[in-house]
Protein backbone atom coordinates (compact mmCIF):
# COMPACT_ATOMS: atom_id res chain seq x y z
CA MET A 1 36.79 112.13 122.05
CA LEU A 2 36.03 115.25 124.08
CA ASN A 3 34.15 114.96 127.43
CA ASN A 4 31.27 117.21 128.38
CA GLU A 5 33.64 119.67 130.45
CA GLU A 6 36.13 120.12 127.56
CA GLY A 7 33.98 119.89 124.44
CA VAL A 8 32.57 123.42 124.58
CA SER A 9 35.36 125.10 126.49
CA GLY A 10 37.83 123.68 124.11
CA SER A 11 36.13 124.61 120.84
CA LEU A 12 32.93 126.50 120.90
CA ASN A 13 33.35 129.05 123.66
CA ARG A 14 35.13 131.39 121.22
CA ILE A 15 33.27 130.47 118.20
CA SER A 16 32.78 133.47 115.81
CA LEU A 17 29.48 134.93 114.96
CA ALA A 18 29.98 134.36 111.33
CA GLN A 19 30.06 130.57 111.93
CA LEU A 20 26.86 130.80 114.00
CA GLY A 21 25.41 132.30 110.76
CA TRP A 22 25.12 135.87 112.12
CA ARG A 23 25.19 138.76 109.44
CA ARG A 24 25.12 142.32 110.24
CA GLY A 25 21.66 143.70 109.16
CA PRO A 26 20.01 142.70 106.02
CA ASP A 27 21.68 141.26 102.96
CA ASP A 28 24.36 143.58 101.46
CA PRO A 29 23.10 145.19 98.32
CA VAL A 30 25.02 143.87 95.26
CA GLU A 31 26.69 146.69 93.72
CA GLU A 32 24.93 147.84 90.62
CA GLU A 33 26.92 146.67 87.48
CA GLU A 34 27.22 149.48 84.85
CA ALA A 35 25.33 148.62 81.64
CA PRO A 36 25.60 150.26 78.03
CA THR A 37 23.33 153.22 77.54
CA TYR A 38 24.66 155.06 74.57
CA LEU A 39 27.25 154.83 71.77
CA ASN A 40 30.79 155.72 72.60
CA THR A 41 31.81 158.87 70.81
CA LYS A 42 35.13 159.25 72.53
CA ILE A 43 36.94 157.06 69.88
CA ASN A 44 36.55 159.02 66.76
CA CYS A 45 35.23 157.40 63.63
CA PRO A 46 35.48 159.66 60.47
CA PHE A 47 32.89 157.73 58.56
CA LEU A 48 29.93 158.05 61.13
CA VAL A 49 27.70 160.86 62.16
CA ILE A 50 26.35 160.16 65.71
CA SER A 51 23.15 161.82 66.79
CA THR A 52 23.15 164.23 69.92
CA ASP A 53 21.55 161.61 72.14
CA LYS A 54 24.26 159.03 70.86
CA LEU A 55 21.66 156.44 70.05
CA SER A 56 21.79 156.87 66.16
CA ALA A 57 24.41 156.38 63.75
CA GLN A 58 24.70 157.32 60.04
CA TYR A 59 27.36 156.43 57.55
CA ASN A 60 28.74 159.47 55.75
CA GLY A 61 31.75 158.04 53.85
CA ASP A 62 32.03 156.89 50.24
CA ALA A 63 32.97 153.34 51.16
CA ARG A 64 35.75 153.14 48.50
CA HIS A 65 37.96 150.78 50.62
CA GLY A 66 37.45 147.84 52.75
CA TYR A 67 38.81 149.70 55.74
CA ASP A 68 36.41 152.46 55.28
CA VAL A 69 34.14 150.81 57.65
CA GLY A 70 32.20 152.91 60.26
CA ALA A 71 32.08 150.91 63.48
CA ILE A 72 31.15 151.93 66.84
CA GLN A 73 30.78 150.41 70.36
CA SER A 74 28.81 150.99 73.28
CA ASN A 75 30.01 153.32 76.15
CA CYS A 76 30.82 150.29 78.40
CA PRO A 77 31.02 146.59 78.06
CA ALA A 78 28.05 144.33 78.45
CA PRO A 79 27.43 143.50 82.14
CA VAL A 80 28.35 139.94 83.14
CA ARG A 81 26.56 139.35 86.36
CA LYS A 82 23.46 138.37 84.51
CA LEU A 83 21.73 135.39 83.15
CA LEU A 84 21.32 137.13 79.71
CA TYR A 85 22.43 140.47 78.00
CA TYR A 86 20.67 141.87 74.82
CA PHE A 87 20.40 145.10 72.86
CA GLU A 88 18.75 145.86 69.44
CA ILE A 89 19.26 148.10 66.36
CA TYR A 90 16.50 149.48 64.18
CA VAL A 91 17.68 149.72 60.54
CA LYS A 92 16.07 153.17 59.40
CA ASP A 93 17.93 152.92 56.07
CA LYS A 94 20.01 150.12 54.40
CA GLY A 95 21.86 152.70 52.23
CA HIS A 96 23.26 151.68 48.98
CA LYS A 97 24.44 148.10 49.85
CA GLY A 98 22.92 147.19 53.18
CA ASN A 99 26.41 146.40 54.85
CA VAL A 100 24.90 146.79 58.24
CA SER A 101 26.23 144.54 61.04
CA ILE A 102 25.45 143.97 64.80
CA GLY A 103 27.61 142.01 67.29
CA PHE A 104 30.23 142.21 70.07
CA THR A 105 33.76 143.15 70.19
CA ASP A 106 36.62 143.40 72.64
CA GLN A 107 38.41 146.46 73.80
CA HIS A 108 41.21 146.06 71.31
CA PHE A 109 38.84 146.20 68.25
CA LYS A 110 39.73 148.32 65.32
CA MET A 111 36.86 150.75 64.49
CA SER A 112 37.74 150.55 60.84
CA ARG A 113 36.52 146.96 60.70
CA GLN A 114 33.22 145.11 60.86
CA PRO A 115 32.45 143.25 64.12
CA GLY A 116 33.25 139.61 63.38
CA TRP A 117 36.29 140.46 61.22
CA GLU A 118 38.72 140.71 64.01
CA PRO A 119 39.85 138.27 66.74
CA ASN A 120 37.54 138.10 69.68
CA THR A 121 34.64 139.64 67.90
CA TYR A 122 31.20 138.28 66.62
CA GLY A 123 28.97 139.95 63.91
CA TYR A 124 25.80 139.06 62.14
CA HIS A 125 25.83 140.96 58.79
CA GLY A 126 22.74 142.10 56.92
CA ASP A 127 23.92 141.96 53.37
CA ASP A 128 24.63 138.24 53.34
CA GLY A 129 23.00 136.78 56.60
CA LEU A 130 26.45 135.30 57.52
CA LEU A 131 27.87 135.08 61.14
CA TYR A 132 31.53 136.19 61.25
CA HIS A 133 33.79 135.25 64.19
CA GLY A 134 37.41 136.18 64.07
CA ASN A 135 37.99 137.06 60.46
CA GLY A 136 36.25 138.60 57.48
CA LYS A 137 36.59 135.57 54.91
CA ASP A 138 35.03 132.74 56.60
CA GLY A 139 31.52 133.94 57.40
CA GLU A 140 29.05 130.99 58.30
CA PRO A 141 25.65 130.51 57.05
CA PHE A 142 23.57 131.76 59.92
CA GLY A 143 20.25 133.47 59.27
CA PRO A 144 18.21 135.85 56.87
CA LYS A 145 19.41 138.93 55.59
CA PHE A 146 18.14 142.18 57.05
CA THR A 147 17.35 145.53 55.60
CA THR A 148 15.45 148.77 56.01
CA GLY A 149 12.56 148.48 58.49
CA ASP A 150 14.12 145.36 60.27
CA THR A 151 14.84 145.23 64.09
CA VAL A 152 17.93 143.12 64.69
CA GLY A 153 19.07 142.01 68.22
CA ALA A 154 22.32 140.73 69.65
CA GLY A 155 22.76 139.12 73.13
CA ILE A 156 25.06 137.02 75.45
CA ASN A 157 23.76 134.03 77.10
CA TYR A 158 26.03 133.53 80.16
CA ALA A 159 24.42 130.23 81.29
CA SER A 160 25.22 128.52 78.08
CA GLN A 161 28.22 130.67 77.21
CA THR A 162 26.75 131.52 73.75
CA VAL A 163 26.16 134.75 71.68
CA TYR A 164 22.64 134.87 70.21
CA PHE A 165 20.74 137.09 67.56
CA THR A 166 17.36 137.87 66.69
CA LYS A 167 15.32 139.50 63.66
CA ASN A 168 12.04 141.18 64.02
CA GLY A 169 11.25 139.51 67.49
CA LYS A 170 12.15 136.12 66.51
CA PHE A 171 15.22 134.12 67.62
CA VAL A 172 17.71 133.57 64.64
CA GLY A 173 20.29 131.37 66.36
CA SER A 174 23.31 131.04 68.65
CA ALA A 175 26.96 130.37 68.52
CA PRO A 176 29.66 129.31 71.16
CA LYS A 177 31.21 132.24 72.88
CA ASP A 178 34.91 131.55 73.52
CA VAL A 179 35.87 135.03 74.65
CA LYS A 180 36.06 135.23 78.51
CA GLY A 181 36.97 138.96 78.71
CA PRO A 182 34.67 141.97 78.48
CA LEU A 183 32.54 142.34 75.24
CA TYR A 184 31.21 145.59 73.95
CA PRO A 185 27.76 145.85 71.95
CA THR A 186 28.93 146.99 68.51
CA ILE A 187 27.45 148.10 65.31
CA GLY A 188 29.22 148.42 61.72
CA LEU A 189 28.12 150.45 58.69
CA HIS A 190 29.83 150.35 55.36
CA SER A 191 27.94 152.07 52.57
CA PRO A 192 26.56 155.50 52.03
CA ASN A 193 23.36 156.66 53.82
CA GLU A 194 23.09 153.52 56.12
CA LYS A 195 21.41 154.59 59.26
CA VAL A 196 20.41 152.68 62.40
CA ASP A 197 18.87 153.41 65.82
CA VAL A 198 20.30 151.62 68.74
CA ASN A 199 18.15 150.41 71.75
CA PHE A 200 20.04 149.71 75.02
CA GLY A 201 16.83 148.98 76.92
CA GLN A 202 15.72 152.68 77.09
CA ARG A 203 12.54 151.39 75.41
CA PRO A 204 10.88 148.10 75.16
CA PHE A 205 12.52 145.51 73.00
CA VAL A 206 10.74 143.85 70.04
CA PHE A 207 12.18 140.52 71.00
CA ASP A 208 10.66 139.07 74.15
CA ILE A 209 13.97 138.80 76.24
CA GLU A 210 11.81 137.90 79.43
CA GLN A 211 10.53 134.69 77.89
CA LEU A 212 14.06 133.72 76.76
CA ALA A 213 15.18 134.09 80.41
CA GLN A 214 12.33 132.02 81.60
CA GLU A 215 13.02 129.28 79.21
CA GLU A 216 16.72 129.26 80.19
CA ARG A 217 15.82 128.92 83.83
CA GLU A 218 13.36 126.08 82.94
CA LYS A 219 16.16 124.27 81.26
CA CYS A 220 18.24 124.49 84.22
CA GLN A 221 15.48 123.24 86.49
CA ALA A 222 14.78 120.38 84.10
CA ILE A 223 18.35 119.19 84.42
CA ILE A 224 18.08 119.31 88.13
CA GLU A 225 14.79 117.37 88.36
CA LYS A 226 16.29 114.68 86.16
CA VAL A 227 18.42 113.71 89.10
CA SER A 228 16.71 110.71 90.85
CA LEU A 229 16.50 111.21 94.68
CA PRO A 230 14.95 108.35 96.66
CA LEU A 231 12.15 109.52 98.87
CA SER A 232 13.74 107.89 101.73
CA VAL A 233 16.82 110.11 101.55
CA SER A 234 14.88 113.41 101.27
CA HIS A 235 12.74 112.11 104.27
CA TRP A 236 15.85 111.32 106.17
CA ILE A 237 17.36 114.69 105.46
CA VAL A 238 14.27 116.50 106.68
CA ARG A 239 14.10 114.45 109.84
CA SER A 240 17.75 115.08 110.60
CA TYR A 241 17.10 118.88 110.13
CA LEU A 242 14.22 118.99 112.63
CA LEU A 243 16.08 116.73 115.13
CA HIS A 244 19.30 118.93 114.87
CA TYR A 245 17.33 121.98 115.77
CA GLY A 246 15.14 120.46 118.51
CA TYR A 247 11.87 121.00 116.74
CA LYS A 248 10.21 117.90 118.50
CA ASP A 249 6.61 118.72 117.93
CA THR A 250 7.15 119.57 114.24
CA LEU A 251 9.07 116.34 113.95
CA ALA A 252 6.04 114.33 115.44
CA SER A 253 3.57 116.00 113.09
CA PHE A 254 6.09 115.29 110.08
CA ASP A 255 6.34 111.58 111.07
CA THR A 256 2.47 111.45 111.39
CA ALA A 257 1.90 113.07 107.99
CA SER A 258 4.45 110.70 106.38
CA GLY A 259 2.90 107.58 107.94
CA ASN A 260 3.97 104.49 106.09
CA THR A 261 4.45 106.18 102.65
CA ILE A 262 8.32 106.30 103.13
CA PRO A 263 10.15 103.16 102.00
CA SER A 264 12.16 101.72 104.82
CA VAL A 265 15.98 101.93 104.27
CA LEU A 266 18.47 100.41 106.77
CA PRO A 267 20.84 103.21 108.00
CA THR A 268 24.40 102.83 107.65
CA PRO A 269 26.61 102.71 110.71
CA GLN A 270 27.59 106.36 110.01
CA GLU A 271 23.90 107.38 109.75
CA ASN A 272 23.03 105.60 113.05
CA ASN A 273 25.69 107.48 114.80
CA SER A 274 24.60 110.96 113.33
CA LEU A 275 21.16 109.97 114.41
CA ASP A 276 22.36 109.37 117.98
CA ILE A 277 23.99 112.76 117.98
CA VAL A 278 21.05 114.78 116.85
CA THR A 279 18.52 113.07 119.16
CA TYR A 280 20.67 113.91 122.16
CA ALA A 281 18.93 115.96 124.79
CA LEU A 282 15.96 116.69 122.50
CA ASP A 283 13.72 117.56 125.19
CA GLU A 284 16.14 120.11 126.67
CA ARG A 285 16.90 121.75 123.41
CA LYS A 286 13.18 122.03 122.69
CA LEU A 287 12.55 123.89 125.90
CA LEU A 288 15.61 126.12 125.61
CA ARG A 289 14.43 127.11 122.09
CA GLN A 290 10.94 127.93 123.27
CA LEU A 291 12.23 130.12 126.11
CA ILE A 292 14.47 132.07 123.75
CA ARG A 293 11.91 132.42 121.19
CA ASN A 294 9.58 133.83 123.66
CA GLY A 295 12.22 136.28 124.90
CA ASP A 296 12.61 134.74 128.36
CA ILE A 297 16.27 134.86 128.49
CA ASP A 298 16.44 134.73 132.37
CA SER A 299 14.78 131.35 132.19
CA ALA A 300 17.04 130.14 129.49
CA PHE A 301 20.23 131.19 131.57
CA LYS A 302 18.73 129.46 134.73
CA ARG A 303 17.97 126.25 132.73
CA LEU A 304 21.61 126.17 131.32
CA ARG A 305 23.12 126.82 134.71
CA GLU A 306 21.01 123.85 136.22
CA ARG A 307 21.65 121.24 133.44
CA TYR A 308 24.74 122.49 131.54
CA PRO A 309 26.72 124.55 133.79
CA GLN A 310 29.96 124.07 131.87
CA LEU A 311 28.35 126.13 129.03
CA VAL A 312 28.08 129.31 130.95
CA GLN A 313 30.74 128.93 133.47
CA ASP A 314 33.14 131.08 131.08
CA ASP A 315 31.32 134.53 131.22
CA MET A 316 33.60 135.67 128.39
CA SER A 317 32.24 132.86 125.93
CA THR A 318 30.35 133.59 122.79
CA ILE A 319 27.16 131.85 124.03
CA CYS A 320 27.18 133.98 127.22
CA PHE A 321 27.72 137.05 125.09
CA LEU A 322 24.71 136.28 122.81
CA LEU A 323 22.40 135.64 125.52
CA HIS A 324 23.45 138.85 127.49
CA CYS A 325 22.86 140.73 124.11
CA GLN A 326 19.42 139.05 123.79
CA LYS A 327 18.42 140.13 127.20
CA TYR A 328 19.46 143.62 126.62
CA ILE A 329 17.61 143.64 123.21
CA GLU A 330 14.39 142.31 125.05
CA LEU A 331 14.62 145.25 127.64
CA VAL A 332 14.94 147.66 124.73
CA MET A 333 11.91 146.26 123.05
CA LYS A 334 9.74 146.57 126.14
CA GLY A 335 10.86 150.27 126.32
CA MET A 336 12.88 149.67 129.58
CA LEU A 337 15.61 151.78 128.56
CA GLU A 338 17.19 152.78 131.90
CA ILE A 339 17.24 149.04 132.94
CA ALA A 340 18.77 148.30 129.52
CA VAL A 341 21.63 150.77 130.06
CA THR A 342 22.31 149.52 133.50
CA TYR A 343 22.29 145.84 132.29
CA ALA A 344 24.66 146.91 129.37
CA ARG A 345 27.13 148.48 131.91
CA SER A 346 27.09 145.49 134.06
CA GLU A 347 27.08 142.56 131.47
CA LEU A 348 28.12 143.89 128.05
CA SER A 349 30.81 146.26 129.04
CA ARG A 350 33.16 143.34 129.66
CA PHE A 351 33.05 142.52 125.98
CA PHE A 352 34.49 145.86 124.92
CA GLY A 353 37.58 145.22 122.75
CA VAL A 354 36.77 141.64 121.89
CA LYS A 355 37.44 142.03 118.22
CA TYR A 356 35.32 139.12 116.78
CA LEU A 357 32.21 140.34 118.81
CA GLU A 358 32.45 143.99 118.32
CA ASP A 359 30.16 144.46 115.27
CA LEU A 360 26.99 142.91 117.17
CA LEU A 361 27.95 144.74 120.38
CA GLN A 362 28.10 148.09 118.51
CA ASP A 363 24.68 147.43 116.77
CA CYS A 364 23.14 146.43 120.11
CA LEU A 365 24.24 149.61 121.85
CA ALA A 366 23.15 151.63 118.92
CA LEU A 367 19.60 150.71 119.47
CA LEU A 368 19.35 153.42 122.15
CA ALA A 369 20.31 156.02 119.71
CA TYR A 370 16.97 155.85 117.77
CA GLU A 371 13.43 157.00 118.86
CA GLU A 372 11.99 154.30 116.68
CA PRO A 373 14.93 151.54 116.58
CA GLY A 374 12.61 149.14 114.61
CA LYS A 375 12.91 151.31 111.70
CA SER A 376 16.58 151.83 111.88
CA SER A 377 19.72 150.12 110.35
CA VAL A 378 19.92 148.07 113.49
CA GLY A 379 16.40 147.15 113.60
CA TYR A 380 17.04 143.58 112.52
CA LEU A 381 18.18 142.93 116.06
CA LEU A 382 14.38 143.23 117.22
CA SER A 383 13.20 140.54 114.76
CA LEU A 384 12.20 136.93 115.65
CA ALA A 385 15.28 135.91 113.28
CA GLN A 386 17.73 137.29 115.94
CA ARG A 387 16.06 135.25 118.53
CA GLU A 388 16.26 132.26 116.48
CA LEU A 389 20.05 132.73 115.91
CA VAL A 390 20.54 132.84 119.65
CA ALA A 391 18.48 129.74 119.92
CA ASP A 392 20.44 128.00 117.24
CA ALA A 393 23.80 128.90 119.03
CA VAL A 394 22.41 127.46 122.29
CA ASN A 395 21.22 124.40 120.57
CA ALA A 396 24.71 123.88 119.06
CA VAL A 397 26.50 124.04 122.23
CA VAL A 398 24.13 121.75 124.03
CA LEU A 399 24.65 119.20 121.20
CA SER A 400 28.32 119.50 121.69
CA THR A 401 28.26 118.34 125.17
CA ASN A 402 27.40 114.84 123.99
CA PRO A 403 30.34 112.68 124.60
CA ALA A 404 29.74 111.01 121.22
CA VAL A 405 30.60 114.08 119.45
CA GLN A 406 34.32 113.99 118.33
CA ASN A 407 34.27 117.41 116.54
CA PRO A 408 32.16 120.03 118.38
CA GLU A 409 32.04 122.29 115.27
CA SER A 410 29.99 119.49 113.59
CA CYS A 411 27.06 120.57 115.69
CA LEU A 412 26.76 124.00 114.20
CA GLN A 413 25.13 122.87 110.88
CA SER A 414 22.57 120.12 110.08
CA SER A 415 23.13 117.71 107.09
CA LEU A 416 20.76 119.68 105.01
CA GLU A 417 22.76 122.86 105.76
CA ARG A 418 26.01 121.15 104.74
CA LEU A 419 24.38 120.02 101.50
CA LEU A 420 23.29 123.63 100.90
CA ARG A 421 26.92 124.72 101.37
CA GLN A 422 28.11 122.22 99.00
CA LEU A 423 25.47 123.49 96.39
CA THR A 424 26.61 127.11 96.91
CA ALA A 425 30.42 126.01 96.46
CA CYS A 426 29.59 124.06 93.23
CA CYS A 427 27.54 127.00 91.79
CA LEU A 428 30.41 129.41 92.67
CA GLU A 429 33.00 127.08 90.89
CA ARG A 430 30.89 126.79 88.02
CA ARG A 431 30.70 130.59 87.55
CA LEU A 432 34.47 130.85 88.17
CA LEU A 433 34.98 128.36 85.27
CA ASN A 434 32.83 130.87 82.99
CA GLY A 435 35.35 133.47 83.79
CA GLY A 436 33.30 135.00 86.48
CA GLN A 437 30.29 135.51 84.17
CA GLY A 438 26.71 134.80 84.68
CA GLU A 439 24.27 135.30 87.52
CA ILE A 440 25.69 135.51 91.08
CA PHE A 441 24.34 132.70 93.06
CA CYS A 442 22.40 133.76 96.13
CA LEU A 443 21.05 130.72 98.08
CA HIS A 444 18.50 132.77 100.13
CA LYS A 445 16.82 134.15 97.00
CA MET A 446 16.90 130.54 95.29
CA LEU A 447 15.25 129.02 98.33
CA HIS A 448 12.49 131.77 98.74
CA GLY A 449 11.80 131.94 95.02
CA VAL A 450 13.16 135.38 94.54
CA LYS A 451 14.14 136.28 90.97
CA GLU A 452 17.74 137.87 90.72
CA GLY A 453 16.32 140.19 88.28
CA SER A 454 14.20 139.86 85.16
CA TRP A 455 17.22 138.76 83.02
């Protein structure tokens, strides 16, 4: 067990900003993933004539042999960091036999074969309505045939790991996708005068892909909602969060609103111990949070020196650094730039060269470089969220002075946050098991109801 003097100085005085939840500026934008936009004419196919915009293909062979197929892929694989992928073809002319096909193929696909006839390929064929996967002999009954005037689509559902097909705006069916590598949207033509137009999203689809995406998300949500969670458990999680961060007034309002509607559950010894920890110094933590939220850093420093001198006795500690940074930020916000410069020289200069603090230090000093710092790349420092981060850090170190705390780093997150971290880890693991395919999980967007993208 760590005593009050050793707890912070031994573990939290050099805590990293990342562990405290600090991120440099707004969320990093996710790198845009390349998506197919046209047909790939770099691989020559003697049986096809491709339009100048690379969005139409016509068969010009005589189709005397089985290997006289005119197949062509898109210019790049289907993107994988999505819930769904989809593209369509419009059959302008079925030609002599209607041997038009649509599907997905891998990078080793032979362009003299129909999609679905080779390993790691899928193809829905218009002449017989069969779905082929891996060979040209064992097509499976799948859907209706398609011909001149029909619009046919093919897609990948990364959530269910299936490929699916549509016809004239209606869902035809799906099949398991057992290929983990990149797949290219592909079309195949194999009789004279067959001609198709391809739509990679440059114009509206006939099929309502947005509705399919919504249905898929509702399926996932329904599975989650089937998990039974006793009301007393969710109530305990919320209370422990409010206690952990010192929101005493909100806690009182929450308890009043809950009344006697929450079933009583006897806490386990472990829960009792957790409750003792998060109720520690509740009034002091509430006051410190209010001072920091109001930008009164001097009063916060004074309170810490009076009540918890061990927390600020090391003037090179992370908590001292954060408080000094916030004091400097408050001066900048008030337009007291000369005083801010003087303060930086006296209090922040000692942190130059401290590797794990340099990013925030650089951003703070950069505030002086802008006439309107609030509109700059470091403007996030002027937000209430930055004050909250400092308040959270102070709250954690005060909690860690509790003699009952065995591991000071356990004070950095509430039980709710640990549950959310576990949720994130599980979602990442699930995506990894799918070969790194599917929507990239973003906890912030999920909690705030922000869609990752339409589909």
